[in-house]
Amino acid sequence: MGPSGYRRIDPALPWMGRSVLGPRRLTADDARAVMAGDDPVALGLMLAYARSYAGALGGVVQGLAGAAALTLAGRRREAAWVAAMAGGSALVVVETRRRARQWEAVVETRLAQLAGGAA
């Protein structure tokens, strides 16, 4: 996943970063920095970037489809390995979405504040 342009617009916003499990863990300092942001375009791009982590689920679907195809082809041992890898990938997707959802919640809160005129 390529970088979003939200930090070019507002460099004070924290970088969600990337780790093996998707975005890095949200800290209180990160949340404070997001809540201090005042550019809705930058915050919107940040929100889109956080939401794009849902795309990681595609690998799980492909793994399961591959396992089914290998099973139908009579390659059960390979199918079992692919299914196990898809299962492991599913666990990674769950953690990735959990972290991304935390970022989303803070950005959505700030955008709601800006839309309501609250500071």
Protein backbone atom coordinates (compact mmCIF):
# COMPACT_ATOMS: atom_id res chain seq x y z
CA MET A 1 0.00 0.00 0.00
CA GLY A 2 1.48 3.28 -1.05
CA PRO A 3 1.65 6.33 1.17
CA SER A 4 -1.24 8.74 1.35
CA GLY A 5 -0.74 12.44 0.69
CA TYR A 6 -2.29 13.64 3.95
CA ARG A 7 1.06 14.54 5.53
CA ARG A 8 2.04 16.67 2.52
CA ILE A 9 -1.03 18.78 3.27
CA ASP A 10 -0.64 18.78 7.06
CA PRO A 11 2.81 17.62 8.23
CA ALA A 12 1.71 17.91 11.87
CA LEU A 13 -0.54 14.87 11.47
CA PRO A 14 1.08 11.64 12.65
CA TRP A 15 2.16 8.97 10.18
CA MET A 16 0.15 5.80 10.61
CA GLY A 17 3.17 3.94 9.39
CA ARG A 18 3.36 0.35 8.39
CA SER A 19 4.25 -2.74 10.28
CA VAL A 20 3.76 -6.43 9.68
CA LEU A 21 0.28 -5.97 11.08
CA GLY A 22 -0.67 -2.87 9.11
CA PRO A 23 -0.75 0.54 10.74
CA ARG A 24 1.25 1.09 13.87
CA ARG A 25 -0.47 1.21 17.23
CA LEU A 26 -2.28 4.45 17.99
CA THR A 27 -0.81 6.35 20.94
CA ALA A 28 -2.32 9.12 23.04
CA ASP A 29 0.12 11.57 21.41
CA ASP A 30 -1.08 10.44 17.98
CA ALA A 31 -4.70 10.98 19.00
CA ARG A 32 -3.89 14.45 20.35
CA ALA A 33 -2.13 15.38 17.11
CA VAL A 34 -5.10 14.23 15.03
CA MET A 35 -7.51 16.11 17.29
CA ALA A 36 -5.43 19.27 16.75
CA GLY A 37 -5.66 18.92 12.96
CA ASP A 38 -7.76 21.55 11.24
CA ASP A 39 -7.52 20.68 7.55
CA PRO A 40 -10.52 18.55 6.54
CA VAL A 41 -8.85 17.54 3.26
CA ALA A 42 -5.80 16.16 5.05
CA LEU A 43 -7.99 14.44 7.63
CA GLY A 44 -10.17 12.99 4.86
CA LEU A 45 -7.13 11.56 3.12
CA MET A 46 -5.92 10.16 6.44
CA LEU A 47 -9.29 8.51 6.97
CA ALA A 48 -9.22 7.03 3.47
CA TYR A 49 -5.74 5.66 4.13
CA ALA A 50 -6.89 4.01 7.36
CA ARG A 51 -9.91 2.50 5.61
CA SER A 52 -7.78 1.14 2.78
CA TYR A 53 -6.39 -1.48 5.15
CA ALA A 54 -9.64 -3.43 4.64
CA GLY A 55 -8.15 -4.51 1.31
CA ALA A 56 -5.86 -6.95 3.12
CA LEU A 57 -8.80 -9.35 3.33
CA GLY A 58 -8.37 -10.13 -0.38
CA GLY A 59 -5.36 -12.35 0.37
CA VAL A 60 -7.46 -14.50 2.67
CA VAL A 61 -10.16 -14.92 0.02
CA GLN A 62 -7.55 -15.81 -2.60
CA GLY A 63 -5.96 -18.34 -0.24
CA LEU A 64 -9.25 -20.06 0.42
CA ALA A 65 -10.09 -20.13 -3.28
CA GLY A 66 -6.64 -21.58 -3.99
CA ALA A 67 -7.14 -24.25 -1.35
CA ALA A 68 -10.48 -25.21 -2.89
CA ALA A 69 -8.95 -25.41 -6.37
CA LEU A 70 -6.07 -27.54 -5.12
CA THR A 71 -8.50 -29.86 -3.35
CA LEU A 72 -10.52 -30.29 -6.52
CA ALA A 73 -7.29 -31.03 -8.38
CA GLY A 74 -6.53 -33.81 -5.90
CA ARG A 75 -3.58 -32.01 -4.31
CA ARG A 76 -4.81 -32.27 -0.75
CA ARG A 77 -1.47 -31.78 1.00
CA GLU A 78 -0.85 -28.52 -0.84
CA ALA A 79 -4.45 -27.48 -0.23
CA ALA A 80 -4.00 -28.03 3.51
CA TRP A 81 -0.90 -25.82 3.54
CA VAL A 82 -2.63 -23.08 1.58
CA ALA A 83 -5.69 -23.25 3.87
CA ALA A 84 -3.44 -23.00 6.94
CA MET A 85 -1.68 -19.98 5.46
CA ALA A 86 -5.05 -18.36 4.70
CA GLY A 87 -6.06 -18.96 8.33
CA GLY A 88 -2.88 -17.28 9.55
CA SER A 89 -3.50 -14.42 7.17
CA ALA A 90 -7.01 -14.02 8.57
CA LEU A 91 -5.54 -13.45 12.04
CA VAL A 92 -3.26 -10.77 10.63
CA VAL A 93 -6.22 -9.12 8.90
CA VAL A 94 -8.16 -9.02 12.18
CA GLU A 95 -5.29 -7.22 13.95
CA THR A 96 -4.73 -4.91 10.98
CA ARG A 97 -8.38 -3.86 10.96
CA ARG A 98 -8.40 -3.42 14.75
CA ARG A 99 -5.48 -1.00 14.56
CA ALA A 100 -6.80 0.82 11.51
CA ARG A 101 -10.22 1.17 13.12
CA GLN A 102 -8.67 2.97 16.09
CA TRP A 103 -7.13 5.52 13.73
CA GLU A 104 -10.43 5.82 11.86
CA ALA A 105 -12.35 6.53 15.07
CA VAL A 106 -10.09 9.42 16.06
CA VAL A 107 -10.10 10.96 12.58
CA GLU A 108 -13.89 10.60 12.30
CA THR A 109 -14.30 12.28 15.68
CA ARG A 110 -12.14 15.22 14.62
CA LEU A 111 -13.96 15.59 11.29
CA ALA A 112 -17.28 15.57 13.15
CA GLN A 113 -16.00 18.31 15.43
CA LEU A 114 -14.86 20.40 12.47
CA ALA A 115 -18.19 19.90 10.71
CA GLY A 116 -20.07 20.98 13.83
CA GLY A 117 -17.88 24.00 14.38
CA ALA A 118 -16.66 22.68 17.76
CA ALA A 119 -13.01 23.02 18.68
